[in-house]
Amino acid sequence: MDFREETPEEKRERLRQEELKGNPMGTFGDSINRAQFGSFADLVGGLGWKGTGILIILLVIGYVIYKLVF
């Protein structure tokens, strides 16, 4: 095993991942807010795999409705 000191960046990332796992609905709102100013990767990282799947389904349904109407 590696017993080296954890860098501040690694510690921040570890704490961020623990927060995402511990509070999925709270981070959903944060993800939506971050999406306005951040990248798509931030949004997907905050949502997890279930939220990402729902987002993709909503985008596909929205596209189908758009094509039917216009």
N, C-alpha and C. Protein backbone atom coordinates (compact mmCIF):
# COMPACT_ATOMS: atom_id res chain seq x y z
N MET A 1 0.83 -1.18 0.00
CA MET A 1 0.00 0.00 0.00
C MET A 1 0.88 1.25 0.00
N ASP A 2 0.31 2.31 -0.43
CA ASP A 2 1.02 3.58 -0.50
C ASP A 2 0.68 4.41 0.74
N PHE A 3 1.71 4.73 1.55
CA PHE A 3 1.48 5.45 2.79
C PHE A 3 1.94 6.91 2.70
N ARG A 4 1.96 7.47 1.50
CA ARG A 4 2.41 8.85 1.36
C ARG A 4 1.33 9.81 1.84
N GLU A 5 1.74 11.03 2.10
CA GLU A 5 0.80 12.07 2.54
C GLU A 5 -0.16 12.41 1.42
N GLU A 6 -1.38 12.71 1.79
CA GLU A 6 -2.39 13.11 0.82
C GLU A 6 -2.21 14.61 0.51
N THR A 7 -2.17 14.94 -0.77
CA THR A 7 -2.02 16.34 -1.14
C THR A 7 -3.33 17.08 -0.89
N PRO A 8 -3.30 18.40 -0.77
CA PRO A 8 -4.54 19.16 -0.57
C PRO A 8 -5.57 18.93 -1.68
N GLU A 9 -5.10 18.79 -2.93
CA GLU A 9 -6.02 18.55 -4.04
C GLU A 9 -6.71 17.20 -3.90
N GLU A 10 -5.94 16.19 -3.51
CA GLU A 10 -6.50 14.85 -3.33
C GLU A 10 -7.50 14.84 -2.17
N LYS A 11 -7.17 15.56 -1.11
CA LYS A 11 -8.06 15.62 0.03
C LYS A 11 -9.37 16.31 -0.33
N ARG A 12 -9.28 17.42 -1.08
CA ARG A 12 -10.49 18.12 -1.53
C ARG A 12 -11.37 17.22 -2.39
N GLU A 13 -10.74 16.51 -3.32
CA GLU A 13 -11.50 15.63 -4.20
C GLU A 13 -12.14 14.48 -3.42
N ARG A 14 -11.41 13.91 -2.47
CA ARG A 14 -11.96 12.83 -1.65
C ARG A 14 -13.15 13.33 -0.84
N LEU A 15 -13.03 14.49 -0.24
CA LEU A 15 -14.13 15.05 0.54
C LEU A 15 -15.33 15.38 -0.35
N ARG A 16 -15.06 15.88 -1.56
CA ARG A 16 -16.14 16.19 -2.49
C ARG A 16 -16.89 14.93 -2.89
N GLN A 17 -16.15 13.85 -3.16
CA GLN A 17 -16.78 12.58 -3.53
C GLN A 17 -17.59 12.00 -2.38
N GLU A 18 -17.09 12.13 -1.15
CA GLU A 18 -17.85 11.65 0.01
C GLU A 18 -19.14 12.44 0.17
N GLU A 19 -19.09 13.74 -0.06
CA GLU A 19 -20.29 14.57 0.03
C GLU A 19 -21.30 14.19 -1.04
N LEU A 20 -20.83 13.92 -2.24
CA LEU A 20 -21.73 13.53 -3.32
C LEU A 20 -22.43 12.21 -3.01
N LYS A 21 -21.70 11.27 -2.40
CA LYS A 21 -22.29 9.98 -2.06
C LYS A 21 -23.25 10.09 -0.88
N GLY A 22 -22.94 10.97 0.06
CA GLY A 22 -23.73 11.08 1.28
C GLY A 22 -25.00 11.90 1.15
N ASN A 23 -25.08 12.77 0.16
CA ASN A 23 -26.22 13.66 0.05
C ASN A 23 -26.62 13.83 -1.42
N PRO A 24 -27.20 12.80 -2.04
CA PRO A 24 -27.47 12.86 -3.48
C PRO A 24 -28.50 13.91 -3.88
N MET A 25 -29.58 14.11 -3.11
CA MET A 25 -30.60 15.08 -3.50
C MET A 25 -30.11 16.51 -3.27
N GLY A 26 -29.32 16.72 -2.24
CA GLY A 26 -28.77 18.05 -2.00
C GLY A 26 -27.79 18.45 -3.09
N THR A 27 -27.04 17.49 -3.56
CA THR A 27 -26.08 17.80 -4.62
C THR A 27 -26.75 17.93 -5.97
N PHE A 28 -27.99 17.43 -6.10
CA PHE A 28 -28.73 17.60 -7.36
C PHE A 28 -28.96 19.09 -7.63
N GLY A 29 -29.42 19.81 -6.61
CA GLY A 29 -29.63 21.25 -6.76
C GLY A 29 -28.33 21.98 -7.04
N ASP A 30 -27.28 21.58 -6.35
CA ASP A 30 -25.97 22.17 -6.60
C ASP A 30 -25.51 21.90 -8.02
N SER A 31 -25.80 20.73 -8.52
CA SER A 31 -25.40 20.37 -9.88
C SER A 31 -26.12 21.23 -10.90
N ILE A 32 -27.40 21.46 -10.67
CA ILE A 32 -28.17 22.30 -11.58
C ILE A 32 -27.61 23.72 -11.57
N ASN A 33 -27.32 24.23 -10.40
CA ASN A 33 -26.76 25.58 -10.30
C ASN A 33 -25.37 25.65 -10.94
N ARG A 34 -24.56 24.62 -10.73
CA ARG A 34 -23.23 24.59 -11.31
C ARG A 34 -23.28 24.49 -12.82
N ALA A 35 -24.33 23.87 -13.33
CA ALA A 35 -24.45 23.70 -14.78
C ALA A 35 -24.59 25.04 -15.48
N GLN A 36 -25.13 26.02 -14.79
CA GLN A 36 -25.28 27.34 -15.40
C GLN A 36 -23.92 27.99 -15.62
N PHE A 37 -22.97 27.68 -14.76
CA PHE A 37 -21.67 28.33 -14.83
C PHE A 37 -20.52 27.36 -15.10
N GLY A 38 -20.77 26.07 -14.93
CA GLY A 38 -19.72 25.08 -15.08
C GLY A 38 -19.84 24.30 -16.37
N SER A 39 -19.22 23.16 -16.38
CA SER A 39 -19.25 22.32 -17.57
C SER A 39 -20.24 21.17 -17.38
N PHE A 40 -20.50 20.45 -18.46
CA PHE A 40 -21.40 19.31 -18.40
C PHE A 40 -20.83 18.22 -17.49
N ALA A 41 -19.53 18.13 -17.42
CA ALA A 41 -18.89 17.13 -16.55
C ALA A 41 -19.22 17.39 -15.09
N ASP A 42 -19.31 18.65 -14.69
CA ASP A 42 -19.70 18.97 -13.31
C ASP A 42 -21.13 18.53 -13.04
N LEU A 43 -22.01 18.76 -14.01
CA LEU A 43 -23.39 18.36 -13.85
C LEU A 43 -23.51 16.84 -13.70
N VAL A 44 -22.89 16.12 -14.57
CA VAL A 44 -22.97 14.66 -14.56
C VAL A 44 -22.30 14.10 -13.31
N GLY A 45 -21.19 14.67 -12.90
CA GLY A 45 -20.51 14.20 -11.70
C GLY A 45 -21.37 14.36 -10.46
N GLY A 46 -22.15 15.42 -10.40
CA GLY A 46 -23.01 15.65 -9.26
C GLY A 46 -24.26 14.80 -9.27
N LEU A 47 -24.73 14.44 -10.43
CA LEU A 47 -25.96 13.67 -10.52
C LEU A 47 -25.76 12.18 -10.28
N GLY A 48 -24.64 11.63 -10.65
CA GLY A 48 -24.44 10.19 -10.55
C GLY A 48 -25.02 9.51 -11.76
N TRP A 49 -24.98 8.18 -11.78
CA TRP A 49 -25.42 7.46 -12.98
C TRP A 49 -26.92 7.48 -13.15
N LYS A 50 -27.69 7.48 -12.06
CA LYS A 50 -29.15 7.52 -12.18
C LYS A 50 -29.61 8.88 -12.70
N GLY A 51 -29.07 9.93 -12.13
CA GLY A 51 -29.43 11.27 -12.57
C GLY A 51 -29.02 11.53 -14.00
N THR A 52 -27.87 11.00 -14.39
CA THR A 52 -27.41 11.14 -15.78
C THR A 52 -28.36 10.42 -16.73
N GLY A 53 -28.80 9.23 -16.35
CA GLY A 53 -29.75 8.49 -17.18
C GLY A 53 -31.07 9.24 -17.33
N ILE A 54 -31.56 9.81 -16.24
CA ILE A 54 -32.80 10.58 -16.29
C ILE A 54 -32.62 11.81 -17.17
N LEU A 55 -31.49 12.47 -17.05
CA LEU A 55 -31.21 13.64 -17.88
C LEU A 55 -31.19 13.28 -19.36
N ILE A 56 -30.57 12.18 -19.70
CA ILE A 56 -30.51 11.75 -21.10
C ILE A 56 -31.91 11.41 -21.61
N ILE A 57 -32.69 10.71 -20.80
CA ILE A 57 -34.06 10.38 -21.21
C ILE A 57 -34.88 11.64 -21.42
N LEU A 58 -34.75 12.61 -20.52
CA LEU A 58 -35.48 13.87 -20.69
C LEU A 58 -35.06 14.61 -21.95
N LEU A 59 -33.78 14.59 -22.26
CA LEU A 59 -33.31 15.24 -23.48
C LEU A 59 -33.87 14.56 -24.73
N VAL A 60 -33.90 13.23 -24.73
CA VAL A 60 -34.44 12.49 -25.88
C VAL A 60 -35.93 12.77 -26.02
N ILE A 61 -36.68 12.72 -24.92
CA ILE A 61 -38.12 13.00 -24.97
C ILE A 61 -38.36 14.43 -25.45
N GLY A 62 -37.58 15.37 -24.95
CA GLY A 62 -37.71 16.75 -25.40
C GLY A 62 -37.45 16.90 -26.88
N TYR A 63 -36.46 16.20 -27.40
CA TYR A 63 -36.15 16.26 -28.83
C TYR A 63 -37.29 15.67 -29.66
N VAL A 64 -37.85 14.56 -29.21
CA VAL A 64 -38.97 13.93 -29.93
C VAL A 64 -40.17 14.86 -29.96
N ILE A 65 -40.49 15.46 -28.83
CA ILE A 65 -41.61 16.40 -28.78
C ILE A 65 -41.35 17.60 -29.68
N TYR A 66 -40.14 18.09 -29.67
CA TYR A 66 -39.78 19.22 -30.53
C TYR A 66 -39.99 18.86 -32.01
N LYS A 67 -39.55 17.67 -32.40
CA LYS A 67 -39.70 17.24 -33.79
C LYS A 67 -41.17 17.04 -34.17
N LEU A 68 -41.99 16.58 -33.24
CA LEU A 68 -43.40 16.40 -33.51
C LEU A 68 -44.14 17.72 -33.66
N VAL A 69 -43.78 18.70 -32.90
CA VAL A 69 -44.46 20.00 -32.90
C VAL A 69 -43.98 20.87 -34.05
N PHE A 70 -42.69 20.90 -34.30
CA PHE A 70 -42.14 21.79 -35.33
C PHE A 70 -41.76 20.97 -36.52
